[in-house]
Amino acid sequence: MTNLSSQRRLAAQIMKIGQNRVWIDPKRVDDVDVAITREEIRKLIHEKIITSLPEKGVSRSRAKTVIEQKRKGRHKGPGSKSGSPRAKITKKEVWMTRIRSLRKRLRELKARRIITESTYRKIYMVAGSGKFESMAELERYLKTNDLWRNR
């Protein structure tokens, strides 16, 4: 096999491409081996003995399948989200979980007759306004304001 590195280099410079994209016709290697000047290389390019290979791109196939899956709602959980805590769980979702747990606790207290119906209604409204940050705060509020039912 003959060394055509200088011809490849010249062809790459003439065609303004990288050396890896220079294609030399394997049947006409002898003609290319003889060519040593830029003019001779230009002639071989004109005769299509030396041509350029197409650029290699990055396949979007895998990306398209992931996008398609995301449109269906897959790969959207908190584990696949990066960034701040708010990027993982939205403000609304945090609020929903908190208010649901508070309301559930209030229902339990009312069912077990630990608080009265009127107290339940008042505290329910207060909880909805966003006064309590946690279950512990709700309990503390009930205790400090002496809202437990008298036995």
N, C-alpha and C. Protein backbone atom coordinates (compact mmCIF):
# COMPACT_ATOMS: atom_id res chain seq x y z
N MET A 1 0.86 -1.20 0.00
CA MET A 1 0.00 0.00 0.00
C MET A 1 0.89 1.23 0.00
N THR A 2 0.63 2.11 -0.91
CA THR A 2 1.45 3.33 -1.01
C THR A 2 0.97 4.39 -0.01
N ASN A 3 1.91 5.25 0.37
CA ASN A 3 1.59 6.30 1.33
C ASN A 3 1.10 7.54 0.57
N LEU A 4 -0.18 7.85 0.75
CA LEU A 4 -0.77 8.99 0.05
C LEU A 4 -1.09 10.14 1.01
N SER A 5 -0.37 10.22 2.12
CA SER A 5 -0.70 11.22 3.14
C SER A 5 -0.51 12.65 2.64
N SER A 6 0.57 12.90 1.84
CA SER A 6 0.78 14.26 1.34
C SER A 6 -0.30 14.64 0.31
N GLN A 7 -0.69 13.66 -0.55
CA GLN A 7 -1.76 13.92 -1.52
C GLN A 7 -3.10 14.17 -0.79
N ARG A 8 -3.33 13.39 0.25
CA ARG A 8 -4.56 13.53 1.06
C ARG A 8 -4.58 14.91 1.72
N ARG A 9 -3.42 15.33 2.25
CA ARG A 9 -3.31 16.64 2.91
C ARG A 9 -3.58 17.77 1.92
N LEU A 10 -2.97 17.68 0.76
CA LEU A 10 -3.18 18.71 -0.26
C LEU A 10 -4.64 18.77 -0.71
N ALA A 11 -5.22 17.60 -0.94
CA ALA A 11 -6.62 17.53 -1.37
C ALA A 11 -7.54 18.14 -0.31
N ALA A 12 -7.23 17.86 0.96
CA ALA A 12 -8.04 18.40 2.06
C ALA A 12 -7.96 19.92 2.09
N GLN A 13 -6.76 20.46 1.87
CA GLN A 13 -6.59 21.92 1.85
C GLN A 13 -7.33 22.54 0.67
N ILE A 14 -7.25 21.91 -0.49
CA ILE A 14 -7.91 22.44 -1.69
C ILE A 14 -9.43 22.42 -1.52
N MET A 15 -9.96 21.30 -1.02
CA MET A 15 -11.42 21.16 -0.88
C MET A 15 -11.96 21.79 0.40
N LYS A 16 -11.03 22.30 1.26
CA LYS A 16 -11.39 22.93 2.53
C LYS A 16 -12.20 21.99 3.43
N ILE A 17 -11.68 20.78 3.59
CA ILE A 17 -12.31 19.78 4.46
C ILE A 17 -11.21 19.11 5.28
N GLY A 18 -11.60 18.27 6.23
CA GLY A 18 -10.63 17.54 7.02
C GLY A 18 -10.05 16.38 6.22
N GLN A 19 -8.86 15.92 6.60
CA GLN A 19 -8.19 14.84 5.87
C GLN A 19 -8.97 13.54 5.92
N ASN A 20 -9.70 13.32 6.99
CA ASN A 20 -10.47 12.08 7.11
C ASN A 20 -11.63 12.01 6.12
N ARG A 21 -12.06 13.17 5.60
CA ARG A 21 -13.17 13.18 4.65
C ARG A 21 -12.73 13.08 3.20
N VAL A 22 -11.41 12.99 2.98
CA VAL A 22 -10.90 12.85 1.60
C VAL A 22 -11.03 11.39 1.18
N TRP A 23 -11.73 11.16 0.06
CA TRP A 23 -11.88 9.80 -0.48
C TRP A 23 -11.08 9.69 -1.77
N ILE A 24 -10.23 8.68 -1.81
CA ILE A 24 -9.41 8.43 -3.01
C ILE A 24 -9.88 7.12 -3.62
N ASP A 25 -10.16 7.16 -4.92
CA ASP A 25 -10.65 5.97 -5.64
C ASP A 25 -9.60 4.86 -5.56
N PRO A 26 -9.95 3.71 -4.94
CA PRO A 26 -8.96 2.64 -4.78
C PRO A 26 -8.45 2.08 -6.12
N LYS A 27 -9.25 2.20 -7.16
CA LYS A 27 -8.83 1.68 -8.48
C LYS A 27 -7.80 2.59 -9.15
N ARG A 28 -7.76 3.87 -8.74
CA ARG A 28 -6.87 4.84 -9.40
C ARG A 28 -5.77 5.34 -8.47
N VAL A 29 -5.36 4.50 -7.53
CA VAL A 29 -4.34 4.88 -6.55
C VAL A 29 -3.01 5.26 -7.22
N ASP A 30 -2.67 4.56 -8.29
CA ASP A 30 -1.40 4.83 -8.99
C ASP A 30 -1.37 6.25 -9.54
N ASP A 31 -2.52 6.71 -10.10
CA ASP A 31 -2.60 8.07 -10.65
C ASP A 31 -2.40 9.10 -9.54
N VAL A 32 -2.99 8.82 -8.37
CA VAL A 32 -2.89 9.75 -7.24
C VAL A 32 -1.46 9.75 -6.69
N ASP A 33 -0.81 8.59 -6.68
CA ASP A 33 0.55 8.46 -6.16
C ASP A 33 1.53 9.31 -6.96
N VAL A 34 1.27 9.42 -8.25
CA VAL A 34 2.15 10.19 -9.14
C VAL A 34 1.96 11.69 -8.94
N ALA A 35 0.73 12.11 -8.63
CA ALA A 35 0.41 13.53 -8.48
C ALA A 35 1.07 14.09 -7.22
N ILE A 36 1.90 15.14 -7.39
CA ILE A 36 2.58 15.73 -6.23
C ILE A 36 2.34 17.24 -6.12
N THR A 37 1.85 17.85 -7.17
CA THR A 37 1.59 19.30 -7.09
C THR A 37 0.11 19.56 -6.84
N ARG A 38 -0.15 20.78 -6.40
CA ARG A 38 -1.53 21.19 -6.16
C ARG A 38 -2.35 21.14 -7.45
N GLU A 39 -1.72 21.54 -8.54
CA GLU A 39 -2.42 21.55 -9.83
C GLU A 39 -2.85 20.14 -10.24
N GLU A 40 -1.96 19.18 -10.04
CA GLU A 40 -2.29 17.78 -10.37
C GLU A 40 -3.42 17.25 -9.47
N ILE A 41 -3.36 17.61 -8.20
CA ILE A 41 -4.41 17.18 -7.26
C ILE A 41 -5.74 17.81 -7.67
N ARG A 42 -5.72 19.11 -8.08
CA ARG A 42 -6.94 19.79 -8.53
C ARG A 42 -7.55 19.07 -9.73
N LYS A 43 -6.68 18.62 -10.61
CA LYS A 43 -7.14 17.90 -11.81
C LYS A 43 -7.82 16.58 -11.41
N LEU A 44 -7.23 15.86 -10.44
CA LEU A 44 -7.80 14.60 -9.97
C LEU A 44 -9.15 14.83 -9.28
N ILE A 45 -9.25 15.96 -8.57
CA ILE A 45 -10.53 16.30 -7.93
C ILE A 45 -11.58 16.57 -9.01
N HIS A 46 -11.17 17.28 -10.03
CA HIS A 46 -12.09 17.59 -11.14
C HIS A 46 -12.56 16.31 -11.84
N GLU A 47 -11.66 15.34 -11.96
CA GLU A 47 -11.99 14.06 -12.60
C GLU A 47 -12.73 13.10 -11.66
N LYS A 48 -13.00 13.53 -10.44
CA LYS A 48 -13.72 12.73 -9.43
C LYS A 48 -12.94 11.50 -8.96
N ILE A 49 -11.63 11.52 -9.12
CA ILE A 49 -10.79 10.44 -8.59
C ILE A 49 -10.61 10.67 -7.08
N ILE A 50 -10.51 11.95 -6.72
CA ILE A 50 -10.50 12.33 -5.31
C ILE A 50 -11.80 13.11 -5.06
N THR A 51 -12.56 12.67 -4.08
CA THR A 51 -13.81 13.37 -3.72
C THR A 51 -13.91 13.51 -2.20
N SER A 52 -14.90 14.27 -1.77
CA SER A 52 -15.09 14.45 -0.32
C SER A 52 -16.25 13.57 0.15
N LEU A 53 -16.06 12.97 1.31
CA LEU A 53 -17.12 12.16 1.92
C LEU A 53 -18.11 13.10 2.61
N PRO A 54 -19.36 12.68 2.77
CA PRO A 54 -20.33 13.55 3.45
C PRO A 54 -19.99 13.71 4.93
N GLU A 55 -20.42 14.83 5.49
CA GLU A 55 -20.20 15.08 6.91
C GLU A 55 -21.00 14.09 7.74
N LYS A 56 -20.38 13.67 8.85
CA LYS A 56 -21.09 12.77 9.76
C LYS A 56 -21.85 13.64 10.76
N GLY A 57 -23.12 13.34 10.96
CA GLY A 57 -23.91 14.08 11.94
C GLY A 57 -24.21 13.20 13.14
N VAL A 58 -24.83 13.80 14.14
CA VAL A 58 -25.24 13.06 15.32
C VAL A 58 -26.67 12.62 15.09
N SER A 59 -26.92 11.34 15.24
CA SER A 59 -28.26 10.79 15.00
C SER A 59 -29.23 11.30 16.05
N ARG A 60 -30.40 11.76 15.61
CA ARG A 60 -31.43 12.25 16.54
C ARG A 60 -32.42 11.14 16.89
N SER A 61 -32.15 9.94 16.43
CA SER A 61 -33.10 8.83 16.59
C SER A 61 -33.44 8.58 18.06
N ARG A 62 -32.41 8.46 18.90
CA ARG A 62 -32.64 8.19 20.31
C ARG A 62 -33.35 9.36 20.99
N ALA A 63 -32.93 10.57 20.63
CA ALA A 63 -33.55 11.76 21.22
C ALA A 63 -35.02 11.83 20.86
N LYS A 64 -35.36 11.48 19.62
CA LYS A 64 -36.76 11.52 19.18
C LYS A 64 -37.61 10.53 19.96
N THR A 65 -37.07 9.33 20.23
CA THR A 65 -37.84 8.34 20.99
C THR A 65 -38.09 8.82 22.41
N VAL A 66 -37.09 9.47 23.02
CA VAL A 66 -37.25 9.99 24.38
C VAL A 66 -38.31 11.10 24.40
N ILE A 67 -38.27 11.98 23.40
CA ILE A 67 -39.26 13.07 23.30
C ILE A 67 -40.66 12.50 23.15
N GLU A 68 -40.78 11.47 22.32
CA GLU A 68 -42.08 10.81 22.10
C GLU A 68 -42.61 10.23 23.41
N GLN A 69 -41.71 9.59 24.18
CA GLN A 69 -42.10 9.01 25.46
C GLN A 69 -42.54 10.11 26.44
N LYS A 70 -41.80 11.23 26.42
CA LYS A 70 -42.14 12.33 27.33
C LYS A 70 -43.49 12.93 26.99
N ARG A 71 -43.85 12.93 25.70
CA ARG A 71 -45.17 13.41 25.30
C ARG A 71 -46.27 12.54 25.89
N LYS A 72 -45.95 11.26 26.06
CA LYS A 72 -46.91 10.33 26.66
C LYS A 72 -46.92 10.44 28.19
N GLY A 73 -45.96 11.21 28.74
CA GLY A 73 -45.91 11.39 30.19
C GLY A 73 -44.89 10.54 30.90
N ARG A 74 -44.07 9.79 30.13
CA ARG A 74 -43.03 8.97 30.76
C ARG A 74 -41.79 9.84 31.05
N HIS A 75 -40.93 9.35 31.91
CA HIS A 75 -39.66 10.01 32.26
C HIS A 75 -39.88 11.42 32.78
N LYS A 76 -40.95 11.65 33.51
CA LYS A 76 -41.24 13.01 33.97
C LYS A 76 -41.26 13.12 35.49
N GLY A 77 -40.90 12.05 36.17
CA GLY A 77 -40.97 12.04 37.63
C GLY A 77 -39.93 12.94 38.27
N PRO A 78 -40.00 13.09 39.59
CA PRO A 78 -39.06 13.98 40.28
C PRO A 78 -37.61 13.53 40.16
N GLY A 79 -37.40 12.23 39.94
CA GLY A 79 -36.03 11.71 39.82
C GLY A 79 -35.32 12.16 38.57
N SER A 80 -36.07 12.50 37.52
CA SER A 80 -35.43 12.90 36.26
C SER A 80 -35.30 14.41 36.16
N LYS A 81 -35.72 15.13 37.20
CA LYS A 81 -35.62 16.59 37.17
C LYS A 81 -34.38 17.02 37.93
N SER A 82 -33.62 17.92 37.35
CA SER A 82 -32.42 18.42 38.02
C SER A 82 -32.64 19.89 38.33
N GLY A 83 -31.93 20.37 39.33
CA GLY A 83 -32.05 21.78 39.68
C GLY A 83 -32.50 21.98 41.10
N SER A 84 -33.14 23.12 41.34
CA SER A 84 -33.56 23.49 42.69
C SER A 84 -34.68 22.57 43.17
N PRO A 85 -34.92 22.56 44.49
CA PRO A 85 -36.02 21.73 45.00
C PRO A 85 -37.35 22.04 44.31
N ARG A 86 -37.56 23.30 43.94
CA ARG A 86 -38.80 23.69 43.29
C ARG A 86 -38.92 23.09 41.88
N ALA A 87 -37.77 22.79 41.28
CA ALA A 87 -37.78 22.13 39.96
C ALA A 87 -38.26 20.69 40.09
N LYS A 88 -37.98 20.09 41.24
CA LYS A 88 -38.38 18.70 41.48
C LYS A 88 -39.85 18.61 41.88
N ILE A 89 -40.26 19.45 42.84
CA ILE A 89 -41.66 19.47 43.29
C ILE A 89 -42.13 20.92 43.22
N THR A 90 -43.19 21.17 42.50
CA THR A 90 -43.69 22.54 42.33
C THR A 90 -44.31 23.05 43.63
N LYS A 91 -44.46 24.36 43.71
CA LYS A 91 -45.07 25.00 44.87
C LYS A 91 -46.47 24.43 45.11
N LYS A 92 -47.18 24.26 44.00
CA LYS A 92 -48.55 23.77 44.08
C LYS A 92 -48.59 22.36 44.67
N GLU A 93 -47.69 21.49 44.20
CA GLU A 93 -47.67 20.11 44.70
C GLU A 93 -47.34 20.07 46.19
N VAL A 94 -46.41 20.92 46.63
CA VAL A 94 -46.05 21.01 48.05
C VAL A 94 -47.28 21.42 48.85
N TRP A 95 -47.97 22.45 48.35
CA TRP A 95 -49.19 22.93 49.02
C TRP A 95 -50.25 21.83 49.11
N MET A 96 -50.45 21.12 47.99
CA MET A 96 -51.47 20.08 47.94
C MET A 96 -51.20 18.99 48.97
N THR A 97 -49.97 18.51 49.05
CA THR A 97 -49.65 17.45 50.01
C THR A 97 -49.84 17.95 51.44
N ARG A 98 -49.42 19.20 51.71
CA ARG A 98 -49.53 19.75 53.06
C ARG A 98 -50.99 19.91 53.47
N ILE A 99 -51.79 20.54 52.63
CA ILE A 99 -53.19 20.82 52.99
C ILE A 99 -53.99 19.53 53.10
N ARG A 100 -53.67 18.55 52.26
CA ARG A 100 -54.38 17.26 52.33
C ARG A 100 -54.09 16.57 53.65
N SER A 101 -52.83 16.58 54.08
CA SER A 101 -52.48 15.92 55.34
C SER A 101 -53.11 16.65 56.53
N LEU A 102 -53.13 17.99 56.47
CA LEU A 102 -53.74 18.77 57.56
C LEU A 102 -55.24 18.49 57.65
N ARG A 103 -55.90 18.49 56.50
CA ARG A 103 -57.34 18.25 56.48
C ARG A 103 -57.68 16.83 56.94
N LYS A 104 -56.83 15.88 56.57
CA LYS A 104 -57.03 14.49 57.01
C LYS A 104 -56.93 14.41 58.53
N ARG A 105 -55.92 15.09 59.09
CA ARG A 105 -55.72 15.09 60.55
C ARG A 105 -56.93 15.72 61.24
N LEU A 106 -57.44 16.82 60.68
CA LEU A 106 -58.60 17.49 61.25
C LEU A 106 -59.82 16.56 61.24
N ARG A 107 -60.00 15.84 60.15
CA ARG A 107 -61.11 14.88 60.05
C ARG A 107 -60.99 13.80 61.12
N GLU A 108 -59.76 13.31 61.30
CA GLU A 108 -59.53 12.29 62.33
C GLU A 108 -59.89 12.82 63.72
N LEU A 109 -59.44 14.04 64.03
CA LEU A 109 -59.70 14.64 65.34
C LEU A 109 -61.20 14.82 65.56
N LYS A 110 -61.92 15.22 64.50
CA LYS A 110 -63.37 15.41 64.60
C LYS A 110 -64.06 14.06 64.78
N ALA A 111 -63.63 13.04 64.03
CA ALA A 111 -64.23 11.71 64.11
C ALA A 111 -64.02 11.08 65.49
N ARG A 112 -62.85 11.33 66.06
CA ARG A 112 -62.55 10.78 67.39
C ARG A 112 -63.08 11.68 68.50
N ARG A 113 -63.79 12.72 68.12
CA ARG A 113 -64.43 13.67 69.04
C ARG A 113 -63.41 14.34 69.96
N ILE A 114 -62.21 14.63 69.41
CA ILE A 114 -61.19 15.35 70.18
C ILE A 114 -61.42 16.85 70.04
N ILE A 115 -61.96 17.26 68.87
CA ILE A 115 -62.35 18.66 68.68
C ILE A 115 -63.83 18.71 68.31
N THR A 116 -64.44 19.84 68.58
CA THR A 116 -65.87 19.98 68.27
C THR A 116 -66.06 20.29 66.80
N GLU A 117 -67.32 20.19 66.37
CA GLU A 117 -67.67 20.48 64.96
C GLU A 117 -67.34 21.93 64.61
N SER A 118 -67.67 22.83 65.52
CA SER A 118 -67.43 24.27 65.26
C SER A 118 -65.93 24.57 65.22
N THR A 119 -65.17 23.94 66.12
CA THR A 119 -63.70 24.11 66.12
C THR A 119 -63.13 23.58 64.82
N TYR A 120 -63.61 22.40 64.42
CA TYR A 120 -63.17 21.77 63.16
C TYR A 120 -63.34 22.75 62.00
N ARG A 121 -64.54 23.36 61.93
CA ARG A 121 -64.83 24.27 60.82
C ARG A 121 -63.91 25.48 60.84
N LYS A 122 -63.71 26.06 62.03
CA LYS A 122 -62.84 27.25 62.17
C LYS A 122 -61.41 26.92 61.75
N ILE A 123 -60.88 25.81 62.30
CA ILE A 123 -59.49 25.42 62.02
C ILE A 123 -59.33 25.03 60.55
N TYR A 124 -60.37 24.42 59.97
CA TYR A 124 -60.35 24.04 58.55
C TYR A 124 -60.13 25.28 57.70
N MET A 125 -60.88 26.34 58.02
CA MET A 125 -60.76 27.60 57.27
C MET A 125 -59.38 28.23 57.47
N VAL A 126 -58.90 28.20 58.71
CA VAL A 126 -57.58 28.76 59.03
C VAL A 126 -56.49 28.01 58.26
N ALA A 127 -56.59 26.67 58.23
CA ALA A 127 -55.61 25.83 57.52
C ALA A 127 -55.62 26.18 56.03
N GLY A 128 -56.80 26.42 55.48
CA GLY A 128 -56.92 26.77 54.05
C GLY A 128 -56.28 28.09 53.71
N SER A 129 -56.16 28.97 54.71
CA SER A 129 -55.54 30.28 54.47
C SER A 129 -54.02 30.18 54.47
N GLY A 130 -53.48 29.02 54.88
CA GLY A 130 -52.03 28.81 54.84
C GLY A 130 -51.33 29.15 56.13
N LYS A 131 -52.04 29.14 57.24
CA LYS A 131 -51.45 29.49 58.54
C LYS A 131 -50.48 28.42 59.05
N PHE A 132 -50.82 27.16 58.80
CA PHE A 132 -50.00 26.07 59.35
C PHE A 132 -49.02 25.54 58.32
N GLU A 133 -47.73 25.52 58.72
CA GLU A 133 -46.68 25.01 57.85
C GLU A 133 -46.55 23.49 57.95
N SER A 134 -47.01 22.94 59.08
CA SER A 134 -46.85 21.51 59.29
C SER A 134 -47.92 20.99 60.24
N MET A 135 -47.95 19.68 60.38
CA MET A 135 -48.88 19.01 61.28
C MET A 135 -48.58 19.43 62.73
N ALA A 136 -47.31 19.53 63.07
CA ALA A 136 -46.89 19.89 64.43
C ALA A 136 -47.40 21.28 64.78
N GLU A 137 -47.37 22.19 63.81
CA GLU A 137 -47.83 23.55 64.04
C GLU A 137 -49.34 23.58 64.31
N LEU A 138 -50.08 22.73 63.59
CA LEU A 138 -51.52 22.61 63.81
C LEU A 138 -51.81 22.13 65.23
N GLU A 139 -51.09 21.07 65.63
CA GLU A 139 -51.26 20.53 66.98
C GLU A 139 -50.92 21.58 68.04
N ARG A 140 -49.82 22.31 67.81
CA ARG A 140 -49.39 23.35 68.74
C ARG A 140 -50.45 24.44 68.87
N TYR A 141 -51.03 24.81 67.76
CA TYR A 141 -52.07 25.85 67.73
C TYR A 141 -53.29 25.39 68.54
N LEU A 142 -53.70 24.15 68.33
CA LEU A 142 -54.86 23.61 69.07
C LEU A 142 -54.59 23.59 70.57
N LYS A 143 -53.34 23.25 70.94
CA LYS A 143 -52.98 23.15 72.34
C LYS A 143 -52.91 24.53 73.00
N THR A 144 -52.23 25.49 72.33
CA THR A 144 -52.05 26.82 72.92
C THR A 144 -53.37 27.57 73.04
N ASN A 145 -54.26 27.37 72.08
CA ASN A 145 -55.56 28.05 72.12
C ASN A 145 -56.62 27.24 72.86
N ASP A 146 -56.20 26.14 73.46
CA ASP A 146 -57.07 25.29 74.28
C ASP A 146 -58.35 24.92 73.53
N LEU A 147 -58.17 24.34 72.37
CA LEU A 147 -59.31 23.98 71.54
C LEU A 147 -59.66 22.49 71.62
N TRP A 148 -58.95 21.74 72.47
CA TRP A 148 -59.31 20.35 72.68
C TRP A 148 -60.66 20.29 73.38
N ARG A 149 -61.44 19.31 73.07
CA ARG A 149 -62.76 19.17 73.67
C ARG A 149 -62.61 18.81 75.16
N ASN A 150 -63.41 19.45 75.98
CA ASN A 150 -63.38 19.14 77.41
C ASN A 150 -64.11 17.85 77.67
N ARG A 151 -63.48 16.94 78.36
CA ARG A 151 -64.09 15.63 78.62
C ARG A 151 -64.92 15.66 79.88
